[in-house]
Amino acid sequence: AYDRYVAICSPLLYNVTMSPKVCSVLVTGVYIMASIEAVSYTISNIM
């Protein structure tokens, strides 16, 4: 959704704003948040 926001609202800055580094940071953040939630739920159920 953020990618679509940048593409439509700031098309001239799209390639700069959504650089490979920024995209990698966003995807890494996705997997970090997923890991935190999965670990918390799994540990609570193991107990």
ModelCIF file with pLDDT and N, C-alpha, C, O atoms, coordinates in Angstrom:
data_MODEL
#
_entry.id   MODEL 
#
_entity.id                         1 
_entity.type                       polymer 
_entity.pdbx_number_of_molecules   1 
#
_entity_poly.entity_id                      1 
_entity_poly.type                           'polypeptide(L)' 
_entity_poly.nstd_linkage                   no 
_entity_poly.nstd_monomer                   no 
_entity_poly.pdbx_seq_one_letter_code       AYDRYVAICSPLLYNVTMSPKVCSVLVTGVYIMASIEAVSYTISNIM 
_entity_poly.pdbx_seq_one_letter_code_can   AYDRYVAICSPLLYNVTMSPKVCSVLVTGVYIMASIEAVSYTISNIM 
_entity_poly.pdbx_strand_id                 A 
#
loop_
_entity_poly_seq.entity_id 
_entity_poly_seq.num 
_entity_poly_seq.mon_id 
_entity_poly_seq.hetero 
1 1  ALA n 
1 2  TYR n 
1 3  ASP n 
1 4  ARG n 
1 5  TYR n 
1 6  VAL n 
1 7  ALA n 
1 8  ILE n 
1 9  CYS n 
1 10 SER n 
1 11 PRO n 
1 12 LEU n 
1 13 LEU n 
1 14 TYR n 
1 15 ASN n 
1 16 VAL n 
1 17 THR n 
1 18 MET n 
1 19 SER n 
1 20 PRO n 
1 21 LYS n 
1 22 VAL n 
1 23 CYS n 
1 24 SER n 
1 25 VAL n 
1 26 LEU n 
1 27 VAL n 
1 28 THR n 
1 29 GLY n 
1 30 VAL n 
1 31 TYR n 
1 32 ILE n 
1 33 MET n 
1 34 ALA n 
1 35 SER n 
1 36 ILE n 
1 37 GLU n 
1 38 ALA n 
1 39 VAL n 
1 40 SER n 
1 41 TYR n 
1 42 THR n 
1 43 ILE n 
1 44 SER n 
1 45 ASN n 
1 46 ILE n 
1 47 MET n 
#
_struct_asym.id          A 
_struct_asym.entity_id   1 
#
loop_
_ma_qa_metric.id 
_ma_qa_metric.mode 
_ma_qa_metric.name 
_ma_qa_metric.software_group_id 
_ma_qa_metric.type 
1 global pLDDT . pLDDT 
2 local  pLDDT . pLDDT 
#
_ma_qa_metric_global.metric_id      1 
_ma_qa_metric_global.metric_value   93.06 
_ma_qa_metric_global.model_id       1 
_ma_qa_metric_global.ordinal_id     1 
#
loop_
_ma_qa_metric_local.label_asym_id 
_ma_qa_metric_local.label_comp_id 
_ma_qa_metric_local.label_seq_id 
_ma_qa_metric_local.metric_id 
_ma_qa_metric_local.metric_value 
_ma_qa_metric_local.model_id 
_ma_qa_metric_local.ordinal_id 
A ALA 1  2 93.00 1 1  
A TYR 2  2 94.00 1 2  
A ASP 3  2 93.00 1 3  
A ARG 4  2 90.00 1 4  
A TYR 5  2 92.00 1 5  
A VAL 6  2 93.00 1 6  
A ALA 7  2 89.00 1 7  
A ILE 8  2 88.00 1 8  
A CYS 9  2 88.00 1 9  
A SER 10 2 88.00 1 10 
A PRO 11 2 87.00 1 11 
A LEU 12 2 89.00 1 12 
A LEU 13 2 91.00 1 13 
A TYR 14 2 90.00 1 14 
A ASN 15 2 89.00 1 15 
A VAL 16 2 91.00 1 16 
A THR 17 2 93.00 1 17 
A MET 18 2 94.00 1 18 
A SER 19 2 93.00 1 19 
A PRO 20 2 92.00 1 20 
A LYS 21 2 94.00 1 21 
A VAL 22 2 95.00 1 22 
A CYS 23 2 95.00 1 23 
A SER 24 2 95.00 1 24 
A VAL 25 2 96.00 1 25 
A LEU 26 2 96.00 1 26 
A VAL 27 2 97.00 1 27 
A THR 28 2 97.00 1 28 
A GLY 29 2 96.00 1 29 
A VAL 30 2 97.00 1 30 
A TYR 31 2 97.00 1 31 
A ILE 32 2 96.00 1 32 
A MET 33 2 95.00 1 33 
A ALA 34 2 96.00 1 34 
A SER 35 2 96.00 1 35 
A ILE 36 2 94.00 1 36 
A GLU 37 2 93.00 1 37 
A ALA 38 2 95.00 1 38 
A VAL 39 2 95.00 1 39 
A SER 40 2 94.00 1 40 
A TYR 41 2 93.00 1 41 
A THR 42 2 95.00 1 42 
A ILE 43 2 94.00 1 43 
A SER 44 2 92.00 1 44 
A ASN 45 2 92.00 1 45 
A ILE 46 2 92.00 1 46 
A MET 47 2 90.00 1 47 
#
loop_
_atom_site.group_PDB 
_atom_site.id 
_atom_site.type_symbol 
_atom_site.label_atom_id 
_atom_site.label_alt_id 
_atom_site.label_comp_id 
_atom_site.label_asym_id 
_atom_site.label_entity_id 
_atom_site.label_seq_id 
_atom_site.pdbx_PDB_ins_code 
_atom_site.Cartn_x 
_atom_site.Cartn_y 
_atom_site.Cartn_z 
_atom_site.occupancy 
_atom_site.B_iso_or_equiv 
_atom_site.pdbx_formal_charge 
_atom_site.auth_seq_id 
_atom_site.auth_comp_id 
_atom_site.auth_asym_id 
_atom_site.auth_atom_id 
_atom_site.pdbx_PDB_model_num 
ATOM 1   N N  . ALA A 1 1  ? 0.836  -1.200  0.000  1.00 93.00 ? 1  ALA A N  1 
ATOM 2   C CA . ALA A 1 1  ? 0.000  0.000   0.000  1.00 93.00 ? 1  ALA A CA 1 
ATOM 3   C C  . ALA A 1 1  ? 0.873  1.254   0.000  1.00 93.00 ? 1  ALA A C  1 
ATOM 4   O O  . ALA A 1 1  ? 0.564  2.228   -0.686 1.00 93.00 ? 1  ALA A O  1 
ATOM 5   N N  . TYR A 1 2  ? 1.957  1.229   0.764  1.00 94.00 ? 2  TYR A N  1 
ATOM 6   C CA . TYR A 1 2  ? 2.886  2.357   0.783  1.00 94.00 ? 2  TYR A CA 1 
ATOM 7   C C  . TYR A 1 2  ? 3.540  2.539   -0.588 1.00 94.00 ? 2  TYR A C  1 
ATOM 8   O O  . TYR A 1 2  ? 3.726  3.664   -1.053 1.00 94.00 ? 2  TYR A O  1 
ATOM 9   N N  . ASP A 1 3  ? 3.883  1.430   -1.223 1.00 93.00 ? 3  ASP A N  1 
ATOM 10  C CA . ASP A 1 3  ? 4.466  1.490   -2.563 1.00 93.00 ? 3  ASP A CA 1 
ATOM 11  C C  . ASP A 1 3  ? 3.499  2.147   -3.540 1.00 93.00 ? 3  ASP A C  1 
ATOM 12  O O  . ASP A 1 3  ? 3.913  2.973   -4.353 1.00 93.00 ? 3  ASP A O  1 
ATOM 13  N N  . ARG A 1 4  ? 2.221  1.794   -3.476 1.00 90.00 ? 4  ARG A N  1 
ATOM 14  C CA . ARG A 1 4  ? 1.222  2.410   -4.356 1.00 90.00 ? 4  ARG A CA 1 
ATOM 15  C C  . ARG A 1 4  ? 1.055  3.898   -4.033 1.00 90.00 ? 4  ARG A C  1 
ATOM 16  O O  . ARG A 1 4  ? 0.865  4.718   -4.931 1.00 90.00 ? 4  ARG A O  1 
ATOM 17  N N  . TYR A 1 5  ? 1.129  4.235   -2.742 1.00 92.00 ? 5  TYR A N  1 
ATOM 18  C CA . TYR A 1 5  ? 1.031  5.649   -2.345 1.00 92.00 ? 5  TYR A CA 1 
ATOM 19  C C  . TYR A 1 5  ? 2.157  6.474   -2.971 1.00 92.00 ? 5  TYR A C  1 
ATOM 20  O O  . TYR A 1 5  ? 1.909  7.545   -3.526 1.00 92.00 ? 5  TYR A O  1 
ATOM 21  N N  . VAL A 1 6  ? 3.382  5.983   -2.884 1.00 93.00 ? 6  VAL A N  1 
ATOM 22  C CA . VAL A 1 6  ? 4.514  6.719   -3.451 1.00 93.00 ? 6  VAL A CA 1 
ATOM 23  C C  . VAL A 1 6  ? 4.396  6.797   -4.971 1.00 93.00 ? 6  VAL A C  1 
ATOM 24  O O  . VAL A 1 6  ? 4.674  7.840   -5.562 1.00 93.00 ? 6  VAL A O  1 
ATOM 25  N N  . ALA A 1 7  ? 3.981  5.684   -5.613 1.00 89.00 ? 7  ALA A N  1 
ATOM 26  C CA . ALA A 1 7  ? 3.892  5.649   -7.072 1.00 89.00 ? 7  ALA A CA 1 
ATOM 27  C C  . ALA A 1 7  ? 2.870  6.632   -7.607 1.00 89.00 ? 7  ALA A C  1 
ATOM 28  O O  . ALA A 1 7  ? 3.087  7.235   -8.658 1.00 89.00 ? 7  ALA A O  1 
ATOM 29  N N  . ILE A 1 8  ? 1.748  6.808   -6.900 1.00 88.00 ? 8  ILE A N  1 
ATOM 30  C CA . ILE A 1 8  ? 0.672  7.668   -7.396 1.00 88.00 ? 8  ILE A CA 1 
ATOM 31  C C  . ILE A 1 8  ? 0.824  9.109   -6.903 1.00 88.00 ? 8  ILE A C  1 
ATOM 32  O O  . ILE A 1 8  ? 0.556  10.049  -7.652 1.00 88.00 ? 8  ILE A O  1 
ATOM 33  N N  . CYS A 1 9  ? 1.246  9.286   -5.669 1.00 88.00 ? 9  CYS A N  1 
ATOM 34  C CA . CYS A 1 9  ? 1.321  10.634  -5.091 1.00 88.00 ? 9  CYS A CA 1 
ATOM 35  C C  . CYS A 1 9  ? 2.659  11.329  -5.348 1.00 88.00 ? 9  CYS A C  1 
ATOM 36  O O  . CYS A 1 9  ? 2.717  12.558  -5.374 1.00 88.00 ? 9  CYS A O  1 
ATOM 37  N N  . SER A 1 10 ? 3.722  10.566  -5.537 1.00 88.00 ? 10 SER A N  1 
ATOM 38  C CA . SER A 1 10 ? 5.044  11.164  -5.802 1.00 88.00 ? 10 SER A CA 1 
ATOM 39  C C  . SER A 1 10 ? 5.740  10.408  -6.921 1.00 88.00 ? 10 SER A C  1 
ATOM 40  O O  . SER A 1 10 ? 6.811  9.843   -6.701 1.00 88.00 ? 10 SER A O  1 
ATOM 41  N N  . PRO A 1 11 ? 5.157  10.382  -8.121 1.00 87.00 ? 11 PRO A N  1 
ATOM 42  C CA . PRO A 1 11 ? 5.725  9.561   -9.200 1.00 87.00 ? 11 PRO A CA 1 
ATOM 43  C C  . PRO A 1 11 ? 7.135  9.964   -9.603 1.00 87.00 ? 11 PRO A C  1 
ATOM 44  O O  . PRO A 1 11 ? 7.943  9.107   -9.962 1.00 87.00 ? 11 PRO A O  1 
ATOM 45  N N  . LEU A 1 12 ? 7.446  11.269  -9.550 1.00 89.00 ? 12 LEU A N  1 
ATOM 46  C CA . LEU A 1 12 ? 8.773  11.725  -9.962 1.00 89.00 ? 12 LEU A CA 1 
ATOM 47  C C  . LEU A 1 12 ? 9.855  11.292  -8.979 1.00 89.00 ? 12 LEU A C  1 
ATOM 48  O O  . LEU A 1 12 ? 11.021 11.166  -9.351 1.00 89.00 ? 12 LEU A O  1 
ATOM 49  N N  . LEU A 1 13 ? 9.470  11.064  -7.728 1.00 91.00 ? 13 LEU A N  1 
ATOM 50  C CA . LEU A 1 13 ? 10.434 10.654  -6.706 1.00 91.00 ? 13 LEU A CA 1 
ATOM 51  C C  . LEU A 1 13 ? 10.357 9.161   -6.400 1.00 91.00 ? 13 LEU A C  1 
ATOM 52  O O  . LEU A 1 13 ? 10.980 8.675   -5.456 1.00 91.00 ? 13 LEU A O  1 
ATOM 53  N N  . TYR A 1 14 ? 9.580  8.440   -7.217 1.00 90.00 ? 14 TYR A N  1 
ATOM 54  C CA . TYR A 1 14 ? 9.324  7.022   -6.902 1.00 90.00 ? 14 TYR A CA 1 
ATOM 55  C C  . TYR A 1 14 ? 10.607 6.200   -6.844 1.00 90.00 ? 14 TYR A C  1 
ATOM 56  O O  . TYR A 1 14 ? 10.826 5.464   -5.882 1.00 90.00 ? 14 TYR A O  1 
ATOM 57  N N  . ASN A 1 15 ? 11.451 6.318   -7.856 1.00 89.00 ? 15 ASN A N  1 
ATOM 58  C CA . ASN A 1 15 ? 12.666 5.500   -7.902 1.00 89.00 ? 15 ASN A CA 1 
ATOM 59  C C  . ASN A 1 15 ? 13.647 5.860   -6.791 1.00 89.00 ? 15 ASN A C  1 
ATOM 60  O O  . ASN A 1 15 ? 14.428 5.019   -6.346 1.00 89.00 ? 15 ASN A O  1 
ATOM 61  N N  . VAL A 1 16 ? 13.602 7.107   -6.350 1.00 91.00 ? 16 VAL A N  1 
ATOM 62  C CA . VAL A 1 16 ? 14.485 7.525   -5.253 1.00 91.00 ? 16 VAL A CA 1 
ATOM 63  C C  . VAL A 1 16 ? 13.916 7.064   -3.917 1.00 91.00 ? 16 VAL A C  1 
ATOM 64  O O  . VAL A 1 16 ? 14.630 6.499   -3.089 1.00 91.00 ? 16 VAL A O  1 
ATOM 65  N N  . THR A 1 17 ? 12.620 7.311   -3.714 1.00 93.00 ? 17 THR A N  1 
ATOM 66  C CA . THR A 1 17 ? 11.985 6.944   -2.440 1.00 93.00 ? 17 THR A CA 1 
ATOM 67  C C  . THR A 1 17 ? 11.960 5.441   -2.238 1.00 93.00 ? 17 THR A C  1 
ATOM 68  O O  . THR A 1 17 ? 12.240 4.949   -1.145 1.00 93.00 ? 17 THR A O  1 
ATOM 69  N N  . MET A 1 18 ? 11.623 4.708   -3.299 1.00 94.00 ? 18 MET A N  1 
ATOM 70  C CA . MET A 1 18 ? 11.555 3.248   -3.216 1.00 94.00 ? 18 MET A CA 1 
ATOM 71  C C  . MET A 1 18 ? 12.826 2.626   -3.805 1.00 94.00 ? 18 MET A C  1 
ATOM 72  O O  . MET A 1 18 ? 12.765 1.787   -4.704 1.00 94.00 ? 18 MET A O  1 
ATOM 73  N N  . SER A 1 19 ? 13.950 3.047   -3.290 1.00 93.00 ? 19 SER A N  1 
ATOM 74  C CA . SER A 1 19 ? 15.234 2.508   -3.731 1.00 93.00 ? 19 SER A CA 1 
ATOM 75  C C  . SER A 1 19 ? 15.370 1.057   -3.279 1.00 93.00 ? 19 SER A C  1 
ATOM 76  O O  . SER A 1 19 ? 14.638 0.625   -2.389 1.00 93.00 ? 19 SER A O  1 
ATOM 77  N N  . PRO A 1 20 ? 16.294 0.293   -3.873 1.00 92.00 ? 20 PRO A N  1 
ATOM 78  C CA . PRO A 1 20 ? 16.493 -1.095  -3.437 1.00 92.00 ? 20 PRO A CA 1 
ATOM 79  C C  . PRO A 1 20 ? 16.770 -1.216  -1.940 1.00 92.00 ? 20 PRO A C  1 
ATOM 80  O O  . PRO A 1 20 ? 16.321 -2.166  -1.299 1.00 92.00 ? 20 PRO A O  1 
ATOM 81  N N  . LYS A 1 21 ? 17.506 -0.258  -1.384 1.00 94.00 ? 21 LYS A N  1 
ATOM 82  C CA . LYS A 1 21 ? 17.809 -0.299  0.045  1.00 94.00 ? 21 LYS A CA 1 
ATOM 83  C C  . LYS A 1 21 ? 16.541 -0.130  0.875  1.00 94.00 ? 21 LYS A C  1 
ATOM 84  O O  . LYS A 1 21 ? 16.325 -0.850  1.850  1.00 94.00 ? 21 LYS A O  1 
ATOM 85  N N  . VAL A 1 22 ? 15.702 0.833   0.477  1.00 95.00 ? 22 VAL A N  1 
ATOM 86  C CA . VAL A 1 22 ? 14.448 1.068   1.206  1.00 95.00 ? 22 VAL A CA 1 
ATOM 87  C C  . VAL A 1 22 ? 13.545 -0.157  1.112  1.00 95.00 ? 22 VAL A C  1 
ATOM 88  O O  . VAL A 1 22 ? 12.947 -0.566  2.107  1.00 95.00 ? 22 VAL A O  1 
ATOM 89  N N  . CYS A 1 23 ? 13.445 -0.737  -0.071 1.00 95.00 ? 23 CYS A N  1 
ATOM 90  C CA . CYS A 1 23 ? 12.606 -1.927  -0.246 1.00 95.00 ? 23 CYS A CA 1 
ATOM 91  C C  . CYS A 1 23 ? 13.107 -3.080  0.620  1.00 95.00 ? 23 CYS A C  1 
ATOM 92  O O  . CYS A 1 23 ? 12.310 -3.797  1.225  1.00 95.00 ? 23 CYS A O  1 
ATOM 93  N N  . SER A 1 24 ? 14.421 -3.257  0.677  1.00 95.00 ? 24 SER A N  1 
ATOM 94  C CA . SER A 1 24 ? 14.988 -4.331  1.497  1.00 95.00 ? 24 SER A CA 1 
ATOM 95  C C  . SER A 1 24 ? 14.719 -4.096  2.980  1.00 95.00 ? 24 SER A C  1 
ATOM 96  O O  . SER A 1 24 ? 14.437 -5.034  3.725  1.00 95.00 ? 24 SER A O  1 
ATOM 97  N N  . VAL A 1 25 ? 14.809 -2.831  3.401  1.00 96.00 ? 25 VAL A N  1 
ATOM 98  C CA . VAL A 1 25 ? 14.519 -2.506  4.802  1.00 96.00 ? 25 VAL A CA 1 
ATOM 99  C C  . VAL A 1 25 ? 13.055 -2.799  5.127  1.00 96.00 ? 25 VAL A C  1 
ATOM 100 O O  . VAL A 1 25 ? 12.751 -3.350  6.185  1.00 96.00 ? 25 VAL A O  1 
ATOM 101 N N  . LEU A 1 26 ? 12.146 -2.430  4.217  1.00 96.00 ? 26 LEU A N  1 
ATOM 102 C CA . LEU A 1 26 ? 10.723 -2.671  4.446  1.00 96.00 ? 26 LEU A CA 1 
ATOM 103 C C  . LEU A 1 26 ? 10.430 -4.167  4.553  1.00 96.00 ? 26 LEU A C  1 
ATOM 104 O O  . LEU A 1 26 ? 9.705  -4.596  5.450  1.00 96.00 ? 26 LEU A O  1 
ATOM 105 N N  . VAL A 1 27 ? 10.990 -4.955  3.644  1.00 97.00 ? 27 VAL A N  1 
ATOM 106 C CA . VAL A 1 27 ? 10.741 -6.391  3.665  1.00 97.00 ? 27 VAL A CA 1 
ATOM 107 C C  . VAL A 1 27 ? 11.373 -7.037  4.897  1.00 97.00 ? 27 VAL A C  1 
ATOM 108 O O  . VAL A 1 27 ? 10.786 -7.939  5.496  1.00 97.00 ? 27 VAL A O  1 
ATOM 109 N N  . THR A 1 28 ? 12.553 -6.583  5.272  1.00 97.00 ? 28 THR A N  1 
ATOM 110 C CA . THR A 1 28 ? 13.179 -7.099  6.500  1.00 97.00 ? 28 THR A CA 1 
ATOM 111 C C  . THR A 1 28 ? 12.316 -6.786  7.712  1.00 97.00 ? 28 THR A C  1 
ATOM 112 O O  . THR A 1 28 ? 12.160 -7.623  8.602  1.00 97.00 ? 28 THR A O  1 
ATOM 113 N N  . GLY A 1 29 ? 11.754 -5.579  7.750  1.00 96.00 ? 29 GLY A N  1 
ATOM 114 C CA . GLY A 1 29 ? 10.852 -5.214  8.843  1.00 96.00 ? 29 GLY A CA 1 
ATOM 115 C C  . GLY A 1 29 ? 9.613  -6.097  8.885  1.00 96.00 ? 29 GLY A C  1 
ATOM 116 O O  . GLY A 1 29 ? 9.126  -6.438  9.963  1.00 96.00 ? 29 GLY A O  1 
ATOM 117 N N  . VAL A 1 30 ? 9.104  -6.468  7.712  1.00 97.00 ? 30 VAL A N  1 
ATOM 118 C CA . VAL A 1 30 ? 7.952  -7.378  7.638  1.00 97.00 ? 30 VAL A CA 1 
ATOM 119 C C  . VAL A 1 30 ? 8.272  -8.693  8.347  1.00 97.00 ? 30 VAL A C  1 
ATOM 120 O O  . VAL A 1 30 ? 7.486  -9.168  9.167  1.00 97.00 ? 30 VAL A O  1 
ATOM 121 N N  . TYR A 1 31 ? 9.422  -9.273  8.031  1.00 97.00 ? 31 TYR A N  1 
ATOM 122 C CA . TYR A 1 31 ? 9.776  -10.577 8.593  1.00 97.00 ? 31 TYR A CA 1 
ATOM 123 C C  . TYR A 1 31 ? 10.157 -10.483 10.076 1.00 97.00 ? 31 TYR A C  1 
ATOM 124 O O  . TYR A 1 31 ? 9.963  -11.438 10.828 1.00 97.00 ? 31 TYR A O  1 
ATOM 125 N N  . ILE A 1 32 ? 10.690 -9.348  10.489 1.00 96.00 ? 32 ILE A N  1 
ATOM 126 C CA . ILE A 1 32 ? 10.990 -9.164  11.916 1.00 96.00 ? 32 ILE A CA 1 
ATOM 127 C C  . ILE A 1 32 ? 9.691  -9.110  12.724 1.00 96.00 ? 32 ILE A C  1 
ATOM 128 O O  . ILE A 1 32 ? 9.575  -9.764  13.760 1.00 96.00 ? 32 ILE A O  1 
ATOM 129 N N  . MET A 1 33 ? 8.716  -8.332  12.247 1.00 95.00 ? 33 MET A N  1 
ATOM 130 C CA . MET A 1 33 ? 7.440  -8.250  12.953 1.00 95.00 ? 33 MET A CA 1 
ATOM 131 C C  . MET A 1 33 ? 6.743  -9.605  12.972 1.00 95.00 ? 33 MET A C  1 
ATOM 132 O O  . MET A 1 33 ? 6.137  -9.974  13.978 1.00 95.00 ? 33 MET A O  1 
ATOM 133 N N  . ALA A 1 34 ? 6.820  -10.346 11.876 1.00 96.00 ? 34 ALA A N  1 
ATOM 134 C CA . ALA A 1 34 ? 6.208  -11.675 11.817 1.00 96.00 ? 34 ALA A CA 1 
ATOM 135 C C  . ALA A 1 34 ? 6.881  -12.618 12.808 1.00 96.00 ? 34 ALA A C  1 
ATOM 136 O O  . ALA A 1 34 ? 6.205  -13.419 13.454 1.00 96.00 ? 34 ALA A O  1 
ATOM 137 N N  . SER A 1 35 ? 8.191  -12.534 12.935 1.00 96.00 ? 35 SER A N  1 
ATOM 138 C CA . SER A 1 35 ? 8.918  -13.399 13.868 1.00 96.00 ? 35 SER A CA 1 
ATOM 139 C C  . SER A 1 35 ? 8.546  -13.095 15.313 1.00 96.00 ? 35 SER A C  1 
ATOM 140 O O  . SER A 1 35 ? 8.367  -14.006 16.121 1.00 96.00 ? 35 SER A O  1 
ATOM 141 N N  . ILE A 1 36 ? 8.433  -11.810 15.634 1.00 94.00 ? 36 ILE A N  1 
ATOM 142 C CA . ILE A 1 36 ? 8.089  -11.419 17.004 1.00 94.00 ? 36 ILE A CA 1 
ATOM 143 C C  . ILE A 1 36 ? 6.724  -11.973 17.396 1.00 94.00 ? 36 ILE A C  1 
ATOM 144 O O  . ILE A 1 36 ? 6.565  -12.538 18.478 1.00 94.00 ? 36 ILE A O  1 
ATOM 145 N N  . GLU A 1 37 ? 5.747  -11.811 16.519 1.00 93.00 ? 37 GLU A N  1 
ATOM 146 C CA . GLU A 1 37 ? 4.400  -12.289 16.852 1.00 93.00 ? 37 GLU A CA 1 
ATOM 147 C C  . GLU A 1 37 ? 4.361  -13.808 16.915 1.00 93.00 ? 37 GLU A C  1 
ATOM 148 O O  . GLU A 1 37 ? 3.746  -14.370 17.821 1.00 93.00 ? 37 GLU A O  1 
ATOM 149 N N  . ALA A 1 38 ? 5.006  -14.481 15.970 1.00 95.00 ? 38 ALA A N  1 
ATOM 150 C CA . ALA A 1 38 ? 4.980  -15.945 15.952 1.00 95.00 ? 38 ALA A CA 1 
ATOM 151 C C  . ALA A 1 38 ? 5.646  -16.523 17.193 1.00 95.00 ? 38 ALA A C  1 
ATOM 152 O O  . ALA A 1 38 ? 5.145  -17.483 17.778 1.00 95.00 ? 38 ALA A O  1 
ATOM 153 N N  . VAL A 1 39 ? 6.763  -15.948 17.594 1.00 95.00 ? 39 VAL A N  1 
ATOM 154 C CA . VAL A 1 39 ? 7.465  -16.437 18.791 1.00 95.00 ? 39 VAL A CA 1 
ATOM 155 C C  . VAL A 1 39 ? 6.618  -16.215 20.034 1.00 95.00 ? 39 VAL A C  1 
ATOM 156 O O  . VAL A 1 39 ? 6.521  -17.100 20.884 1.00 95.00 ? 39 VAL A O  1 
ATOM 157 N N  . SER A 1 40 ? 6.003  -15.038 20.148 1.00 94.00 ? 40 SER A N  1 
ATOM 158 C CA . SER A 1 40 ? 5.209  -14.735 21.345 1.00 94.00 ? 40 SER A CA 1 
ATOM 159 C C  . SER A 1 40 ? 4.009  -15.666 21.470 1.00 94.00 ? 40 SER A C  1 
ATOM 160 O O  . SER A 1 40 ? 3.724  -16.157 22.563 1.00 94.00 ? 40 SER A O  1 
ATOM 161 N N  . TYR A 1 41 ? 3.299  -15.920 20.372 1.00 93.00 ? 41 TYR A N  1 
ATOM 162 C CA . TYR A 1 41 ? 2.146  -16.807 20.423 1.00 93.00 ? 41 TYR A CA 1 
ATOM 163 C C  . TYR A 1 41 ? 2.563  -18.257 20.685 1.00 93.00 ? 41 TYR A C  1 
ATOM 164 O O  . TYR A 1 41 ? 1.911  -18.966 21.452 1.00 93.00 ? 41 TYR A O  1 
ATOM 165 N N  . THR A 1 42 ? 3.630  -18.686 20.057 1.00 95.00 ? 42 THR A N  1 
ATOM 166 C CA . THR A 1 42 ? 4.056  -20.075 20.215 1.00 95.00 ? 42 THR A CA 1 
ATOM 167 C C  . THR A 1 42 ? 4.516  -20.356 21.635 1.00 95.00 ? 42 THR A C  1 
ATOM 168 O O  . THR A 1 42 ? 4.152  -21.380 22.214 1.00 95.00 ? 42 THR A O  1 
ATOM 169 N N  . ILE A 1 43 ? 5.307  -19.465 22.199 1.00 94.00 ? 43 ILE A N  1 
ATOM 170 C CA . ILE A 1 43 ? 5.788  -19.656 23.574 1.00 94.00 ? 43 ILE A CA 1 
ATOM 171 C C  . ILE A 1 43 ? 4.613  -19.663 24.549 1.00 94.00 ? 43 ILE A C  1 
ATOM 172 O O  . ILE A 1 43 ? 4.566  -20.490 25.460 1.00 94.00 ? 43 ILE A O  1 
ATOM 173 N N  . SER A 1 44 ? 3.668  -18.749 24.359 1.00 92.00 ? 44 SER A N  1 
ATOM 174 C CA . SER A 1 44 ? 2.523  -18.696 25.270 1.00 92.00 ? 44 SER A CA 1 
ATOM 175 C C  . SER A 1 44 ? 1.687  -19.969 25.187 1.00 92.00 ? 44 SER A C  1 
ATOM 176 O O  . SER A 1 44 ? 1.107  -20.384 26.190 1.00 92.00 ? 44 SER A O  1 
ATOM 177 N N  . ASN A 1 45 ? 1.613  -20.594 24.023 1.00 92.00 ? 45 ASN A N  1 
ATOM 178 C CA . ASN A 1 45 ? 0.857  -21.843 23.894 1.00 92.00 ? 45 ASN A CA 1 
ATOM 179 C C  . ASN A 1 45 ? 1.647  -23.045 24.396 1.00 92.00 ? 45 ASN A C  1 
ATOM 180 O O  . ASN A 1 45 ? 1.062  -24.001 24.904 1.00 92.00 ? 45 ASN A O  1 
ATOM 181 N N  . ILE A 1 46 ? 2.958  -23.005 24.260 1.00 92.00 ? 46 ILE A N  1 
ATOM 182 C CA . ILE A 1 46 ? 3.784  -24.083 24.805 1.00 92.00 ? 46 ILE A CA 1 
ATOM 183 C C  . ILE A 1 46 ? 3.648  -24.145 26.324 1.00 92.00 ? 46 ILE A C  1 
ATOM 184 O O  . ILE A 1 46 ? 3.763  -25.220 26.913 1.00 92.00 ? 46 ILE A O  1 
ATOM 185 N N  . MET A 1 47 ? 3.406  -23.012 26.952 1.00 90.00 ? 47 MET A N  1 
ATOM 186 C CA . MET A 1 47 ? 3.289  -22.960 28.405 1.00 90.00 ? 47 MET A CA 1 
ATOM 187 C C  . MET A 1 47 ? 1.933  -23.429 28.917 1.00 90.00 ? 47 MET A C  1 
ATOM 188 O O  . MET A 1 47 ? 1.698  -23.437 30.125 1.00 90.00 ? 47 MET A O  1 
#
